C-alpha cells in the first residue's frame, strides 16, 4: 500500500500543466485526531485516535485571492494497540482574507490502507480550515473535516451509520 502512496505522490507532483498563473508546491506534517461517530440500531457512540500526517501539496492560484490546493497525505492514527493508515486526498479552495491569512474548504477523500471487517475502505468528508503564513516559505494550518459518507457496510451493520471526523494542525513548507 505504500507503493500506492508513492505512485499518487509522483502523479500529483508531475501534474503541473494546468493553466493557473502561479504554482507552488510543498510538504506538510502535523498532528491529527480522528473521531469515529457511530449511530443507529439502538446504539450511539464515539471513539477517537491520535496520530500524524505527512503529505505534499500544490497551490494553483486561480484569481487574485483564490487558489486551488490539492494534497496527497499519508495519515496514521493510533488507539491503544491498534493503528489506522489512510491516504488522504483533500481538494481545497483557498481564499486569502488578508496578507498571510487564508480560509479553505472543500472535499476530502480518504482511502484506507488496511481492510477492516465491515468497514468501507473509501470515504468522503467536507473540510474547512485556515492557514497563517509564518514566513514566505513556512505556514501553519488547522482544519476540521466532517464525515459525509457512511463508512460501515450495510450487510454487516444494517441500520447503523459510522462516520469519521478529522482534526488536523500542522506546519507546511513551500518550495517557490
N, C-alpha and C. Protein backbone atom coordinates (compact mmCIF):
# COMPACT_ATOMS: atom_id res chain seq x y z
N UNK A 1 0.82 -1.20 0.00
CA UNK A 1 0.00 0.00 0.00
C UNK A 1 0.86 1.26 0.00
N UNK A 2 2.08 1.17 0.54
CA UNK A 2 2.96 2.33 0.50
C UNK A 2 3.34 2.63 -0.95
N UNK A 3 3.34 1.59 -1.83
CA UNK A 3 3.58 1.82 -3.25
C UNK A 3 2.47 2.66 -3.86
N UNK A 4 1.23 2.45 -3.42
CA UNK A 4 0.11 3.26 -3.90
C UNK A 4 0.32 4.71 -3.51
N UNK A 5 0.76 4.97 -2.28
CA UNK A 5 1.04 6.33 -1.83
C UNK A 5 2.15 6.95 -2.68
N UNK A 6 3.23 6.22 -2.92
CA UNK A 6 4.34 6.72 -3.74
C UNK A 6 3.87 7.04 -5.15
N UNK A 7 3.06 6.18 -5.73
CA UNK A 7 2.52 6.41 -7.06
C UNK A 7 1.67 7.68 -7.10
N UNK A 8 0.78 7.85 -6.11
CA UNK A 8 -0.06 9.04 -6.07
C UNK A 8 0.77 10.32 -5.91
N UNK A 9 1.83 10.28 -5.13
CA UNK A 9 2.68 11.45 -4.96
C UNK A 9 3.37 11.79 -6.28
N UNK A 10 3.88 10.80 -6.99
CA UNK A 10 4.56 11.05 -8.27
C UNK A 10 3.58 11.63 -9.28
N UNK A 11 2.39 11.05 -9.40
CA UNK A 11 1.38 11.57 -10.31
C UNK A 11 1.01 12.99 -9.91
N UNK A 12 0.82 13.22 -8.64
CA UNK A 12 0.44 14.53 -8.13
C UNK A 12 1.48 15.59 -8.46
N UNK A 13 2.74 15.30 -8.20
CA UNK A 13 3.79 16.28 -8.44
C UNK A 13 4.04 16.52 -9.92
N UNK A 14 3.80 15.53 -10.75
CA UNK A 14 4.01 15.71 -12.19
C UNK A 14 2.82 16.37 -12.87
N UNK A 15 1.70 16.49 -12.16
CA UNK A 15 0.50 17.10 -12.72
C UNK A 15 0.60 18.61 -12.56
N UNK A 16 1.31 19.25 -13.46
CA UNK A 16 1.53 20.68 -13.31
C UNK A 16 1.18 21.49 -14.53
N UNK A 17 0.49 20.94 -15.48
CA UNK A 17 0.22 21.63 -16.73
C UNK A 17 -1.13 22.33 -16.76
N UNK A 18 -1.69 22.64 -15.58
CA UNK A 18 -2.92 23.41 -15.54
C UNK A 18 -2.62 24.84 -15.95
N UNK A 19 -3.62 25.56 -16.42
CA UNK A 19 -3.40 26.92 -16.89
C UNK A 19 -3.50 27.94 -15.76
N UNK A 20 -3.07 27.59 -14.59
CA UNK A 20 -3.05 28.53 -13.47
C UNK A 20 -1.86 29.47 -13.65
N UNK A 21 -1.99 30.71 -13.16
CA UNK A 21 -0.94 31.71 -13.35
C UNK A 21 0.27 31.43 -12.48
N UNK A 22 0.07 31.04 -11.25
CA UNK A 22 1.17 30.87 -10.31
C UNK A 22 1.01 29.53 -9.60
N UNK A 23 2.10 28.78 -9.52
CA UNK A 23 2.04 27.47 -8.89
C UNK A 23 3.14 27.37 -7.84
N UNK A 24 2.78 26.82 -6.70
CA UNK A 24 3.79 26.49 -5.70
C UNK A 24 3.47 25.09 -5.19
N UNK A 25 4.47 24.42 -4.70
CA UNK A 25 4.22 23.12 -4.08
C UNK A 25 5.04 23.04 -2.81
N UNK A 26 4.69 22.08 -1.99
CA UNK A 26 5.40 21.95 -0.74
C UNK A 26 5.08 20.67 0.00
N UNK A 27 5.59 20.59 1.22
CA UNK A 27 5.38 19.42 2.07
C UNK A 27 4.72 19.88 3.36
N UNK A 28 3.95 18.99 3.96
CA UNK A 28 3.27 19.32 5.22
C UNK A 28 3.38 18.14 6.18
N UNK A 29 3.37 18.47 7.47
CA UNK A 29 3.42 17.45 8.51
C UNK A 29 2.68 18.00 9.72
N UNK A 30 2.01 17.12 10.45
CA UNK A 30 1.30 17.61 11.62
C UNK A 30 0.60 16.55 12.43
N UNK A 31 -0.10 17.03 13.44
CA UNK A 31 -0.89 16.21 14.36
C UNK A 31 -2.29 16.04 13.79
N UNK A 32 -2.88 14.88 14.03
CA UNK A 32 -4.28 14.69 13.66
C UNK A 32 -5.01 13.87 14.71
N UNK A 33 -6.29 14.13 14.78
CA UNK A 33 -7.18 13.36 15.65
C UNK A 33 -8.34 12.90 14.78
N UNK A 34 -8.59 11.60 14.78
CA UNK A 34 -9.68 11.02 14.00
C UNK A 34 -10.73 10.53 14.98
N UNK A 35 -11.95 11.01 14.81
CA UNK A 35 -13.06 10.59 15.66
C UNK A 35 -14.05 9.77 14.85
N UNK A 36 -14.42 8.61 15.35
CA UNK A 36 -15.42 7.76 14.71
C UNK A 36 -16.73 7.93 15.46
N UNK A 37 -17.77 8.34 14.74
CA UNK A 37 -19.09 8.54 15.32
C UNK A 37 -20.01 7.45 14.76
N UNK A 38 -20.60 6.65 15.64
CA UNK A 38 -21.48 5.54 15.24
C UNK A 38 -22.86 5.79 15.82
N UNK A 39 -23.90 5.57 14.98
CA UNK A 39 -25.26 5.82 15.42
C UNK A 39 -26.22 4.89 14.68
N UNK A 40 -27.21 4.39 15.40
CA UNK A 40 -28.25 3.55 14.80
C UNK A 40 -28.34 2.19 15.45
N UNK A 41 -29.45 1.50 15.21
CA UNK A 41 -29.63 0.17 15.76
C UNK A 41 -29.67 0.15 17.27
N UNK A 42 -30.15 1.24 17.88
CA UNK A 42 -30.21 1.30 19.34
C UNK A 42 -28.86 1.58 19.99
N UNK A 43 -27.89 1.99 19.17
CA UNK A 43 -26.55 2.24 19.68
C UNK A 43 -26.07 3.60 19.21
N UNK A 44 -25.36 4.31 20.06
CA UNK A 44 -24.74 5.57 19.70
C UNK A 44 -23.40 5.62 20.42
N UNK A 45 -22.34 6.01 19.72
CA UNK A 45 -21.05 6.03 20.37
C UNK A 45 -20.02 6.85 19.62
N UNK A 46 -18.91 7.09 20.29
CA UNK A 46 -17.80 7.87 19.74
C UNK A 46 -16.50 7.27 20.25
N UNK A 47 -15.51 7.20 19.37
CA UNK A 47 -14.18 6.76 19.77
C UNK A 47 -13.19 7.53 18.91
N UNK A 48 -12.02 7.78 19.44
CA UNK A 48 -11.05 8.57 18.71
C UNK A 48 -9.65 8.01 18.77
N UNK A 49 -8.80 8.52 17.88
CA UNK A 49 -7.42 8.09 17.82
C UNK A 49 -6.55 9.27 17.39
N UNK A 50 -5.40 9.43 18.03
CA UNK A 50 -4.45 10.48 17.68
C UNK A 50 -3.38 9.92 16.76
N UNK A 51 -2.76 10.81 16.01
CA UNK A 51 -1.70 10.38 15.13
C UNK A 51 -1.05 11.54 14.41
N UNK A 52 -0.55 11.27 13.22
CA UNK A 52 0.15 12.28 12.44
C UNK A 52 -0.20 12.14 10.97
N UNK A 53 0.15 13.16 10.20
CA UNK A 53 0.03 13.09 8.75
C UNK A 53 1.29 13.68 8.13
N UNK A 54 1.61 13.23 6.95
CA UNK A 54 2.76 13.70 6.19
C UNK A 54 2.34 13.73 4.74
N UNK A 55 2.48 14.89 4.09
CA UNK A 55 1.99 14.96 2.72
C UNK A 55 2.68 15.99 1.86
N UNK A 56 2.19 16.08 0.65
CA UNK A 56 2.63 17.07 -0.34
C UNK A 56 1.40 17.81 -0.84
N UNK A 57 1.60 19.05 -1.25
CA UNK A 57 0.50 19.84 -1.77
C UNK A 57 0.99 20.68 -2.94
N UNK A 58 0.04 21.15 -3.71
CA UNK A 58 0.32 22.07 -4.81
C UNK A 58 -0.72 23.17 -4.71
N UNK A 59 -0.28 24.41 -4.76
CA UNK A 59 -1.19 25.54 -4.67
C UNK A 59 -1.24 26.20 -6.05
N UNK A 60 -2.41 26.20 -6.67
CA UNK A 60 -2.60 26.74 -8.01
C UNK A 60 -3.46 28.01 -7.90
N UNK A 61 -2.85 29.16 -8.10
CA UNK A 61 -3.57 30.43 -7.98
C UNK A 61 -4.51 30.58 -9.17
N UNK A 62 -5.79 30.80 -8.88
CA UNK A 62 -6.81 30.91 -9.92
C UNK A 62 -7.07 32.37 -10.29
N UNK A 63 -7.41 33.16 -9.30
CA UNK A 63 -7.59 34.60 -9.47
C UNK A 63 -6.94 35.30 -8.30
N UNK A 64 -7.07 36.60 -8.21
CA UNK A 64 -6.30 37.41 -7.25
C UNK A 64 -6.16 36.79 -5.86
N UNK A 65 -7.25 36.46 -5.18
CA UNK A 65 -7.17 35.95 -3.81
C UNK A 65 -7.63 34.50 -3.67
N UNK A 66 -7.93 33.85 -4.77
CA UNK A 66 -8.48 32.49 -4.74
C UNK A 66 -7.52 31.51 -5.40
N UNK A 67 -7.29 30.39 -4.71
CA UNK A 67 -6.44 29.34 -5.28
C UNK A 67 -7.05 27.97 -4.99
N UNK A 68 -6.57 26.99 -5.73
CA UNK A 68 -6.98 25.59 -5.57
C UNK A 68 -5.78 24.85 -5.03
N UNK A 69 -5.98 24.09 -3.93
CA UNK A 69 -4.87 23.40 -3.29
C UNK A 69 -5.17 21.91 -3.12
N UNK A 70 -4.82 21.08 -4.10
CA UNK A 70 -4.94 19.63 -3.91
C UNK A 70 -3.76 19.12 -3.08
N UNK A 71 -4.01 18.04 -2.33
CA UNK A 71 -2.99 17.46 -1.46
C UNK A 71 -3.05 15.94 -1.54
N UNK A 72 -1.95 15.32 -1.21
CA UNK A 72 -1.86 13.87 -1.01
C UNK A 72 -1.11 13.68 0.29
N UNK A 73 -1.72 12.99 1.25
CA UNK A 73 -1.06 12.81 2.56
C UNK A 73 -1.23 11.38 3.05
N UNK A 74 -0.20 10.89 3.69
CA UNK A 74 -0.26 9.61 4.41
C UNK A 74 -0.63 9.95 5.84
N UNK A 75 -1.67 9.33 6.34
CA UNK A 75 -2.19 9.61 7.68
C UNK A 75 -2.14 8.33 8.50
N UNK A 76 -1.60 8.43 9.71
CA UNK A 76 -1.59 7.28 10.62
C UNK A 76 -2.11 7.72 11.98
N UNK A 77 -3.03 6.92 12.53
CA UNK A 77 -3.62 7.20 13.83
C UNK A 77 -3.50 5.95 14.69
N UNK A 78 -3.35 6.17 16.00
CA UNK A 78 -3.13 5.07 16.93
C UNK A 78 -4.12 5.15 18.08
N UNK A 79 -4.73 4.01 18.42
CA UNK A 79 -5.66 3.93 19.54
C UNK A 79 -5.34 2.64 20.28
N UNK A 80 -4.80 2.77 21.45
CA UNK A 80 -4.37 1.62 22.26
C UNK A 80 -3.35 0.81 21.46
N UNK A 81 -3.63 -0.42 21.13
CA UNK A 81 -2.67 -1.23 20.39
C UNK A 81 -3.02 -1.31 18.90
N UNK A 82 -4.03 -0.57 18.45
CA UNK A 82 -4.44 -0.61 17.05
C UNK A 82 -3.98 0.66 16.33
N UNK A 83 -3.79 0.53 15.01
CA UNK A 83 -3.44 1.70 14.21
C UNK A 83 -4.26 1.69 12.93
N UNK A 84 -4.48 2.87 12.38
CA UNK A 84 -5.18 3.04 11.10
C UNK A 84 -4.28 3.85 10.19
N UNK A 85 -4.19 3.44 8.93
CA UNK A 85 -3.42 4.19 7.94
C UNK A 85 -4.33 4.52 6.77
N UNK A 86 -4.30 5.78 6.35
CA UNK A 86 -5.12 6.24 5.23
C UNK A 86 -4.27 7.09 4.29
N UNK A 87 -4.67 7.12 3.06
CA UNK A 87 -4.20 8.13 2.13
C UNK A 87 -5.31 9.16 2.07
N UNK A 88 -4.97 10.40 2.40
CA UNK A 88 -5.94 11.49 2.41
C UNK A 88 -5.74 12.33 1.15
N UNK A 89 -6.85 12.70 0.51
CA UNK A 89 -6.81 13.49 -0.71
C UNK A 89 -7.72 14.71 -0.57
N UNK A 90 -7.28 15.76 0.14
CA UNK A 90 -8.09 16.97 0.22
C UNK A 90 -7.98 17.76 -1.09
N UNK A 91 -9.09 18.30 -1.55
CA UNK A 91 -9.15 19.15 -2.74
C UNK A 91 -9.78 20.47 -2.31
N UNK A 92 -8.96 21.42 -1.90
CA UNK A 92 -9.45 22.60 -1.20
C UNK A 92 -9.37 23.87 -2.04
N UNK A 93 -10.40 24.70 -1.90
CA UNK A 93 -10.33 26.07 -2.39
C UNK A 93 -9.81 26.91 -1.24
N UNK A 94 -8.92 27.82 -1.54
CA UNK A 94 -8.26 28.62 -0.52
C UNK A 94 -8.47 30.10 -0.87
N UNK A 95 -9.04 30.85 0.07
CA UNK A 95 -9.30 32.27 -0.14
C UNK A 95 -8.45 33.08 0.83
N UNK A 96 -7.65 34.01 0.29
CA UNK A 96 -6.78 34.84 1.12
C UNK A 96 -7.57 36.01 1.68
N UNK A 97 -7.86 35.97 2.98
CA UNK A 97 -8.65 37.02 3.64
C UNK A 97 -7.82 38.31 3.78
N UNK A 98 -6.61 38.17 4.28
CA UNK A 98 -5.68 39.29 4.42
C UNK A 98 -4.31 38.75 4.04
N UNK A 99 -3.34 39.62 3.94
CA UNK A 99 -1.98 39.19 3.64
C UNK A 99 -1.52 38.19 4.69
N UNK A 100 -1.28 36.95 4.29
CA UNK A 100 -0.77 35.93 5.20
C UNK A 100 -1.81 35.09 5.93
N UNK A 101 -3.10 35.41 5.79
CA UNK A 101 -4.15 34.63 6.46
C UNK A 101 -5.19 34.20 5.43
N UNK A 102 -5.48 32.90 5.39
CA UNK A 102 -6.45 32.39 4.42
C UNK A 102 -7.39 31.38 5.07
N UNK A 103 -8.56 31.24 4.47
CA UNK A 103 -9.52 30.21 4.86
C UNK A 103 -9.62 29.23 3.70
N UNK A 104 -9.98 27.99 4.02
CA UNK A 104 -10.03 26.95 3.00
C UNK A 104 -11.20 26.01 3.24
N UNK A 105 -11.65 25.40 2.18
CA UNK A 105 -12.73 24.43 2.30
C UNK A 105 -12.85 23.59 1.04
N UNK A 106 -13.41 22.40 1.20
CA UNK A 106 -13.62 21.52 0.06
C UNK A 106 -13.70 20.07 0.47
N UNK A 107 -13.86 19.20 -0.50
CA UNK A 107 -13.97 17.77 -0.20
C UNK A 107 -12.63 17.15 0.18
N UNK A 108 -12.70 16.10 0.98
CA UNK A 108 -11.54 15.33 1.39
C UNK A 108 -11.91 13.87 1.20
N UNK A 109 -11.14 13.16 0.41
CA UNK A 109 -11.35 11.74 0.22
C UNK A 109 -10.31 10.96 1.02
N UNK A 110 -10.73 9.86 1.61
CA UNK A 110 -9.81 9.02 2.37
C UNK A 110 -9.86 7.59 1.87
N UNK A 111 -8.69 6.99 1.72
CA UNK A 111 -8.58 5.59 1.28
C UNK A 111 -7.82 4.82 2.36
N UNK A 112 -8.49 3.84 2.95
CA UNK A 112 -7.85 3.03 4.00
C UNK A 112 -6.81 2.11 3.38
N UNK A 113 -5.66 2.01 4.02
CA UNK A 113 -4.61 1.13 3.52
C UNK A 113 -4.73 -0.28 4.05
N UNK A 114 -5.49 -0.46 5.14
CA UNK A 114 -5.76 -1.80 5.66
C UNK A 114 -7.27 -2.01 5.64
N UNK A 115 -7.69 -3.20 5.27
CA UNK A 115 -9.11 -3.52 5.25
C UNK A 115 -9.55 -4.01 6.62
N UNK A 116 -10.61 -3.39 7.15
CA UNK A 116 -11.20 -3.82 8.42
C UNK A 116 -12.56 -4.46 8.13
N UNK A 117 -12.89 -5.57 8.78
CA UNK A 117 -14.17 -6.23 8.52
C UNK A 117 -15.35 -5.29 8.80
N UNK A 118 -16.23 -5.17 7.82
CA UNK A 118 -17.44 -4.37 7.96
C UNK A 118 -17.25 -2.88 7.76
N UNK A 119 -16.02 -2.45 7.44
CA UNK A 119 -15.73 -1.03 7.24
C UNK A 119 -15.31 -0.81 5.80
N UNK A 120 -15.92 0.20 5.16
CA UNK A 120 -15.58 0.54 3.78
C UNK A 120 -14.19 1.16 3.72
N UNK A 121 -13.50 0.93 2.62
CA UNK A 121 -12.13 1.44 2.51
C UNK A 121 -12.06 2.83 1.89
N UNK A 122 -13.18 3.37 1.40
CA UNK A 122 -13.19 4.71 0.80
C UNK A 122 -14.24 5.57 1.50
N UNK A 123 -13.88 6.80 1.82
CA UNK A 123 -14.81 7.71 2.46
C UNK A 123 -14.63 9.13 1.97
N UNK A 124 -15.68 9.93 2.16
CA UNK A 124 -15.67 11.33 1.76
C UNK A 124 -16.03 12.18 2.97
N UNK A 125 -15.36 13.31 3.10
CA UNK A 125 -15.64 14.28 4.16
C UNK A 125 -15.61 15.67 3.55
N UNK A 126 -16.11 16.65 4.28
CA UNK A 126 -16.01 18.04 3.86
C UNK A 126 -15.14 18.78 4.87
N UNK A 127 -14.07 19.41 4.38
CA UNK A 127 -13.10 20.06 5.26
C UNK A 127 -13.23 21.58 5.21
N UNK A 128 -13.05 22.19 6.38
CA UNK A 128 -12.93 23.64 6.49
C UNK A 128 -11.70 23.94 7.34
N UNK A 129 -11.06 25.07 7.09
CA UNK A 129 -9.87 25.36 7.88
C UNK A 129 -9.33 26.73 7.60
N UNK A 130 -8.15 26.98 8.15
CA UNK A 130 -7.47 28.26 7.98
C UNK A 130 -5.97 28.02 7.96
N UNK A 131 -5.26 28.98 7.37
CA UNK A 131 -3.81 28.91 7.32
C UNK A 131 -3.23 30.30 7.61
N UNK A 132 -2.09 30.30 8.29
CA UNK A 132 -1.41 31.55 8.61
C UNK A 132 0.05 31.44 8.19
N UNK A 133 0.51 32.39 7.37
CA UNK A 133 1.89 32.40 6.92
C UNK A 133 2.81 32.90 8.04
N UNK A 134 3.73 32.06 8.45
CA UNK A 134 4.74 32.44 9.43
C UNK A 134 5.85 33.22 8.71
N UNK A 135 6.17 32.78 7.50
CA UNK A 135 7.13 33.47 6.64
C UNK A 135 6.70 33.20 5.20
N UNK A 136 7.50 33.62 4.26
CA UNK A 136 7.16 33.38 2.85
C UNK A 136 7.14 31.88 2.52
N UNK A 137 7.95 31.12 3.22
CA UNK A 137 8.09 29.70 2.93
C UNK A 137 7.37 28.78 3.91
N UNK A 138 7.10 29.23 5.12
CA UNK A 138 6.54 28.38 6.17
C UNK A 138 5.17 28.88 6.60
N UNK A 139 4.21 27.95 6.73
CA UNK A 139 2.90 28.35 7.24
C UNK A 139 2.32 27.29 8.15
N UNK A 140 1.41 27.73 9.01
CA UNK A 140 0.69 26.89 9.96
C UNK A 140 -0.73 26.72 9.42
N UNK A 141 -1.26 25.50 9.49
CA UNK A 141 -2.64 25.29 9.05
C UNK A 141 -3.40 24.47 10.10
N UNK A 142 -4.69 24.71 10.12
CA UNK A 142 -5.57 23.98 11.02
C UNK A 142 -6.83 23.69 10.23
N UNK A 143 -7.38 22.47 10.40
CA UNK A 143 -8.57 22.11 9.62
C UNK A 143 -9.40 21.08 10.36
N UNK A 144 -10.68 21.10 10.07
CA UNK A 144 -11.61 20.11 10.61
C UNK A 144 -12.42 19.57 9.45
N UNK A 145 -12.58 18.27 9.38
CA UNK A 145 -13.33 17.63 8.30
C UNK A 145 -14.49 16.84 8.90
N UNK A 146 -15.68 17.09 8.37
CA UNK A 146 -16.91 16.41 8.80
C UNK A 146 -17.15 15.23 7.87
N UNK A 147 -17.27 14.03 8.43
CA UNK A 147 -17.54 12.85 7.61
C UNK A 147 -18.87 12.95 6.90
N UNK A 148 -18.86 12.72 5.58
CA UNK A 148 -20.08 12.84 4.78
C UNK A 148 -20.60 11.49 4.32
N UNK A 149 -19.78 10.46 4.36
CA UNK A 149 -20.22 9.15 3.87
C UNK A 149 -20.23 8.13 5.00
N UNK A 150 -21.16 7.20 4.91
CA UNK A 150 -21.24 6.11 5.88
C UNK A 150 -20.09 5.14 5.63
N UNK A 151 -19.26 4.92 6.62
CA UNK A 151 -18.09 4.05 6.49
C UNK A 151 -18.39 2.59 6.82
N UNK A 152 -19.61 2.30 7.28
CA UNK A 152 -19.95 0.92 7.65
C UNK A 152 -20.73 0.24 6.53
N UNK A 153 -20.40 -1.02 6.29
CA UNK A 153 -21.09 -1.79 5.26
C UNK A 153 -22.47 -2.21 5.78
N UNK A 154 -23.50 -1.98 4.96
CA UNK A 154 -24.88 -2.27 5.35
C UNK A 154 -25.13 -3.75 5.63
N UNK A 155 -24.44 -4.64 4.91
CA UNK A 155 -24.65 -6.07 5.12
C UNK A 155 -24.18 -6.50 6.51
N UNK A 156 -23.15 -5.87 7.01
CA UNK A 156 -22.57 -6.25 8.29
C UNK A 156 -23.24 -5.49 9.43
N UNK A 157 -23.56 -4.21 9.21
CA UNK A 157 -24.17 -3.35 10.23
C UNK A 157 -25.44 -2.70 9.68
N UNK A 158 -26.52 -3.49 9.50
CA UNK A 158 -27.75 -2.91 8.94
C UNK A 158 -28.35 -1.85 9.86
N UNK A 159 -28.69 -0.70 9.25
CA UNK A 159 -29.31 0.38 10.01
C UNK A 159 -28.38 1.18 10.90
N UNK A 160 -27.08 0.94 10.79
CA UNK A 160 -26.10 1.65 11.61
C UNK A 160 -25.21 2.48 10.68
N UNK A 161 -24.95 3.74 11.07
CA UNK A 161 -24.04 4.59 10.30
C UNK A 161 -22.79 4.88 11.11
N UNK A 162 -21.70 4.98 10.41
CA UNK A 162 -20.43 5.33 11.03
C UNK A 162 -19.70 6.33 10.17
N UNK A 163 -19.26 7.41 10.76
CA UNK A 163 -18.56 8.47 10.03
C UNK A 163 -17.27 8.82 10.75
N UNK A 164 -16.27 9.20 9.95
CA UNK A 164 -15.01 9.68 10.51
C UNK A 164 -14.98 11.20 10.42
N UNK A 165 -14.64 11.86 11.51
CA UNK A 165 -14.38 13.29 11.53
C UNK A 165 -12.90 13.47 11.82
N UNK A 166 -12.28 14.46 11.19
CA UNK A 166 -10.84 14.66 11.31
C UNK A 166 -10.52 16.06 11.81
N UNK A 167 -9.57 16.17 12.72
CA UNK A 167 -8.99 17.45 13.12
C UNK A 167 -7.50 17.37 12.81
N UNK A 168 -6.97 18.37 12.12
CA UNK A 168 -5.56 18.39 11.79
C UNK A 168 -4.96 19.76 12.07
N UNK A 169 -3.75 19.78 12.60
CA UNK A 169 -2.99 21.01 12.81
C UNK A 169 -1.54 20.71 12.47
N UNK A 170 -0.95 21.54 11.62
CA UNK A 170 0.40 21.24 11.22
C UNK A 170 1.15 22.40 10.60
N UNK A 171 2.37 22.11 10.21
CA UNK A 171 3.24 23.06 9.54
C UNK A 171 3.48 22.60 8.11
N UNK A 172 3.64 23.58 7.23
CA UNK A 172 3.93 23.26 5.83
C UNK A 172 5.05 24.16 5.33
N UNK A 173 5.84 23.61 4.42
CA UNK A 173 6.95 24.33 3.82
C UNK A 173 6.71 24.42 2.33
N UNK A 174 6.77 25.63 1.79
CA UNK A 174 6.58 25.88 0.35
C UNK A 174 7.93 25.91 -0.36
N UNK A 175 7.98 25.27 -1.53
CA UNK A 175 9.13 25.40 -2.43
C UNK A 175 8.70 26.38 -3.51
N UNK A 176 9.29 27.54 -3.55
CA UNK A 176 8.89 28.57 -4.53
C UNK A 176 9.62 28.41 -5.82
